[in-house]
Amino acid sequence: MEYIADRITIDEKLCNGKPTIRGKRITVQTILEFLGAGETKEEILNQYPSLVLEDIDACIKFASDLMNRNFTIKTVA
């Protein structure tokens, strides 16, 4: 398991290698989808009692760091 962004882990054997929170079976994507749907941090913490506020903040920072990269769109035939 590799730690990135302090609380975010990647393990190819866990959740198909998607970034998760502290090695739990809760993906960064799941938390971001809840936030995108309008859930508050408090509501997410109630649904996932093993998480803490810093875990949700780490997900947001992780996504923000990804958006700081350059991307190229290529046409596929």
N, C-alpha and C. Protein backbone atom coordinates (compact mmCIF):
# COMPACT_ATOMS: atom_id res chain seq x y z
N MET A 1 0.85 -1.17 0.00
CA MET A 1 0.00 0.00 0.00
C MET A 1 0.89 1.24 0.00
N GLU A 2 0.53 2.19 -0.82
CA GLU A 2 1.30 3.41 -0.92
C GLU A 2 0.46 4.59 -0.43
N TYR A 3 1.04 5.39 0.47
CA TYR A 3 0.36 6.58 0.97
C TYR A 3 0.69 7.77 0.07
N ILE A 4 -0.34 8.47 -0.35
CA ILE A 4 -0.15 9.71 -1.09
C ILE A 4 -1.08 10.74 -0.46
N ALA A 5 -0.73 11.99 -0.54
CA ALA A 5 -1.56 13.07 0.02
C ALA A 5 -1.90 12.78 1.48
N ASP A 6 -0.99 12.25 2.25
CA ASP A 6 -1.08 12.02 3.68
C ASP A 6 -2.10 10.95 4.08
N ARG A 7 -3.39 11.10 3.75
CA ARG A 7 -4.42 10.15 4.17
C ARG A 7 -4.94 9.28 3.03
N ILE A 8 -4.51 9.53 1.83
CA ILE A 8 -5.01 8.80 0.66
C ILE A 8 -4.05 7.67 0.34
N THR A 9 -4.60 6.47 0.16
CA THR A 9 -3.78 5.30 -0.12
C THR A 9 -4.18 4.66 -1.45
N ILE A 10 -3.21 4.02 -2.05
CA ILE A 10 -3.47 3.24 -3.26
C ILE A 10 -2.90 1.85 -3.06
N ASP A 11 -3.76 0.86 -3.20
CA ASP A 11 -3.36 -0.53 -3.08
C ASP A 11 -4.05 -1.29 -4.21
N GLU A 12 -3.28 -1.89 -5.08
CA GLU A 12 -3.85 -2.57 -6.24
C GLU A 12 -4.81 -3.70 -5.84
N LYS A 13 -4.72 -4.18 -4.61
CA LYS A 13 -5.58 -5.26 -4.14
C LYS A 13 -6.86 -4.75 -3.48
N LEU A 14 -6.99 -3.45 -3.36
CA LEU A 14 -8.13 -2.86 -2.67
C LEU A 14 -8.89 -1.94 -3.61
N CYS A 15 -10.17 -2.19 -3.80
CA CYS A 15 -11.04 -1.36 -4.65
C CYS A 15 -10.46 -1.18 -6.06
N ASN A 16 -9.90 -2.25 -6.61
CA ASN A 16 -9.33 -2.23 -7.97
C ASN A 16 -8.26 -1.17 -8.16
N GLY A 17 -7.55 -0.83 -7.10
CA GLY A 17 -6.46 0.13 -7.20
C GLY A 17 -6.88 1.58 -7.17
N LYS A 18 -8.16 1.84 -6.93
CA LYS A 18 -8.61 3.24 -6.84
C LYS A 18 -8.10 3.85 -5.54
N PRO A 19 -7.87 5.16 -5.54
CA PRO A 19 -7.45 5.83 -4.31
C PRO A 19 -8.52 5.68 -3.22
N THR A 20 -8.08 5.28 -2.03
CA THR A 20 -8.99 5.10 -0.91
C THR A 20 -8.51 5.93 0.28
N ILE A 21 -9.33 5.97 1.30
CA ILE A 21 -8.99 6.73 2.49
C ILE A 21 -8.39 5.80 3.53
N ARG A 22 -7.13 6.03 3.85
CA ARG A 22 -6.39 5.28 4.89
C ARG A 22 -6.55 3.77 4.77
N GLY A 23 -6.58 3.24 3.56
CA GLY A 23 -6.63 1.80 3.35
C GLY A 23 -7.99 1.18 3.63
N LYS A 24 -9.00 2.01 3.81
CA LYS A 24 -10.36 1.50 4.03
C LYS A 24 -11.01 1.24 2.67
N ARG A 25 -12.12 0.58 2.66
CA ARG A 25 -12.83 0.33 1.41
C ARG A 25 -13.78 1.48 1.09
N ILE A 26 -13.30 2.69 1.29
CA ILE A 26 -14.05 3.89 0.96
C ILE A 26 -13.18 4.68 -0.01
N THR A 27 -13.66 4.84 -1.24
CA THR A 27 -12.84 5.50 -2.26
C THR A 27 -12.99 7.01 -2.20
N VAL A 28 -11.96 7.67 -2.67
CA VAL A 28 -12.00 9.12 -2.80
C VAL A 28 -13.16 9.51 -3.71
N GLN A 29 -13.35 8.75 -4.77
CA GLN A 29 -14.44 9.01 -5.71
C GLN A 29 -15.80 9.02 -5.02
N THR A 30 -16.03 8.06 -4.13
CA THR A 30 -17.30 7.99 -3.41
C THR A 30 -17.55 9.27 -2.62
N ILE A 31 -16.54 9.72 -1.89
CA ILE A 31 -16.69 10.93 -1.08
C ILE A 31 -16.93 12.14 -1.97
N LEU A 32 -16.19 12.25 -3.06
CA LEU A 32 -16.38 13.38 -3.97
C LEU A 32 -17.76 13.36 -4.61
N GLU A 33 -18.27 12.17 -4.92
CA GLU A 33 -19.61 12.07 -5.49
C GLU A 33 -20.68 12.53 -4.48
N PHE A 34 -20.51 12.16 -3.22
CA PHE A 34 -21.44 12.62 -2.19
C PHE A 34 -21.40 14.15 -2.08
N LEU A 35 -20.20 14.72 -2.07
CA LEU A 35 -20.08 16.17 -1.99
C LEU A 35 -20.70 16.84 -3.22
N GLY A 36 -20.46 16.27 -4.38
CA GLY A 36 -21.02 16.80 -5.62
C GLY A 36 -22.53 16.74 -5.67
N ALA A 37 -23.11 15.77 -4.95
CA ALA A 37 -24.56 15.62 -4.90
C ALA A 37 -25.19 16.55 -3.85
N GLY A 38 -24.34 17.31 -3.16
CA GLY A 38 -24.87 18.27 -2.20
C GLY A 38 -24.84 17.83 -0.75
N GLU A 39 -24.30 16.65 -0.48
CA GLU A 39 -24.19 16.20 0.92
C GLU A 39 -23.19 17.08 1.65
N THR A 40 -23.44 17.33 2.91
CA THR A 40 -22.49 18.09 3.72
C THR A 40 -21.45 17.14 4.29
N LYS A 41 -20.35 17.70 4.76
CA LYS A 41 -19.31 16.87 5.37
C LYS A 41 -19.88 16.14 6.58
N GLU A 42 -20.71 16.81 7.34
CA GLU A 42 -21.31 16.19 8.53
C GLU A 42 -22.19 15.00 8.16
N GLU A 43 -22.96 15.13 7.07
CA GLU A 43 -23.80 14.02 6.62
C GLU A 43 -22.95 12.82 6.20
N ILE A 44 -21.85 13.09 5.53
CA ILE A 44 -20.95 12.01 5.10
C ILE A 44 -20.34 11.33 6.32
N LEU A 45 -19.93 12.11 7.30
CA LEU A 45 -19.35 11.54 8.52
C LEU A 45 -20.36 10.68 9.27
N ASN A 46 -21.63 11.05 9.22
CA ASN A 46 -22.67 10.23 9.86
C ASN A 46 -22.84 8.90 9.12
N GLN A 47 -22.70 8.92 7.79
CA GLN A 47 -22.84 7.70 7.00
C GLN A 47 -21.61 6.79 7.11
N TYR A 48 -20.46 7.40 7.34
CA TYR A 48 -19.20 6.66 7.45
C TYR A 48 -18.53 7.02 8.78
N PRO A 49 -18.97 6.43 9.88
CA PRO A 49 -18.44 6.81 11.20
C PRO A 49 -16.95 6.54 11.40
N SER A 50 -16.35 5.74 10.54
CA SER A 50 -14.91 5.47 10.69
C SER A 50 -14.06 6.61 10.10
N LEU A 51 -14.70 7.57 9.43
CA LEU A 51 -13.98 8.71 8.85
C LEU A 51 -13.97 9.88 9.83
N VAL A 52 -13.01 10.76 9.60
CA VAL A 52 -12.94 12.02 10.34
C VAL A 52 -12.92 13.15 9.32
N LEU A 53 -13.14 14.36 9.78
CA LEU A 53 -13.22 15.52 8.90
C LEU A 53 -11.97 15.66 8.03
N GLU A 54 -10.81 15.37 8.59
CA GLU A 54 -9.56 15.49 7.84
C GLU A 54 -9.51 14.54 6.65
N ASP A 55 -10.21 13.42 6.73
CA ASP A 55 -10.26 12.48 5.60
C ASP A 55 -11.00 13.11 4.42
N ILE A 56 -12.10 13.77 4.70
CA ILE A 56 -12.87 14.41 3.63
C ILE A 56 -12.08 15.56 3.03
N ASP A 57 -11.43 16.33 3.88
CA ASP A 57 -10.58 17.43 3.38
C ASP A 57 -9.45 16.89 2.52
N ALA A 58 -8.90 15.74 2.87
CA ALA A 58 -7.83 15.13 2.08
C ALA A 58 -8.34 14.72 0.70
N CYS A 59 -9.58 14.25 0.62
CA CYS A 59 -10.18 13.89 -0.67
C CYS A 59 -10.29 15.11 -1.57
N ILE A 60 -10.73 16.20 -1.00
CA ILE A 60 -10.88 17.45 -1.77
C ILE A 60 -9.51 17.92 -2.24
N LYS A 61 -8.52 17.90 -1.37
CA LYS A 61 -7.17 18.33 -1.75
C LYS A 61 -6.59 17.41 -2.82
N PHE A 62 -6.83 16.11 -2.69
CA PHE A 62 -6.34 15.15 -3.67
C PHE A 62 -6.92 15.47 -5.06
N ALA A 63 -8.22 15.72 -5.12
CA ALA A 63 -8.86 16.06 -6.40
C ALA A 63 -8.32 17.36 -6.95
N SER A 64 -8.12 18.32 -6.08
CA SER A 64 -7.58 19.61 -6.51
C SER A 64 -6.17 19.45 -7.07
N ASP A 65 -5.36 18.64 -6.42
CA ASP A 65 -3.99 18.39 -6.91
C ASP A 65 -4.01 17.73 -8.28
N LEU A 66 -4.97 16.83 -8.52
CA LEU A 66 -5.08 16.19 -9.84
C LEU A 66 -5.41 17.22 -10.91
N MET A 67 -6.22 18.19 -10.58
CA MET A 67 -6.62 19.21 -11.56
C MET A 67 -5.49 20.19 -11.85
N ASN A 68 -4.44 20.14 -11.08
CA ASN A 68 -3.29 21.00 -11.30
C ASN A 68 -2.36 20.45 -12.39
N ARG A 69 -2.70 19.29 -12.92
CA ARG A 69 -1.89 18.67 -13.98
C ARG A 69 -2.38 19.09 -15.35
N ASN A 70 -1.56 18.90 -16.35
CA ASN A 70 -1.94 19.20 -17.73
C ASN A 70 -2.45 17.93 -18.39
N PHE A 71 -3.51 18.08 -19.17
CA PHE A 71 -4.12 16.95 -19.86
C PHE A 71 -4.16 17.26 -21.35
N THR A 72 -4.04 16.21 -22.18
CA THR A 72 -4.14 16.35 -23.62
C THR A 72 -5.22 15.41 -24.12
N ILE A 73 -6.11 15.96 -24.95
CA ILE A 73 -7.18 15.15 -25.54
C ILE A 73 -6.72 14.71 -26.91
N LYS A 74 -6.76 13.41 -27.16
CA LYS A 74 -6.35 12.87 -28.45
C LYS A 74 -7.56 12.22 -29.12
N THR A 75 -7.66 12.40 -30.43
CA THR A 75 -8.72 11.78 -31.20
C THR A 75 -8.39 10.32 -31.42
N VAL A 76 -9.37 9.45 -31.17
CA VAL A 76 -9.19 8.02 -31.37
C VAL A 76 -10.04 7.63 -32.58
N ALA A 77 -9.44 6.95 -33.52
CA ALA A 77 -10.13 6.59 -34.75
C ALA A 77 -11.24 5.61 -34.53
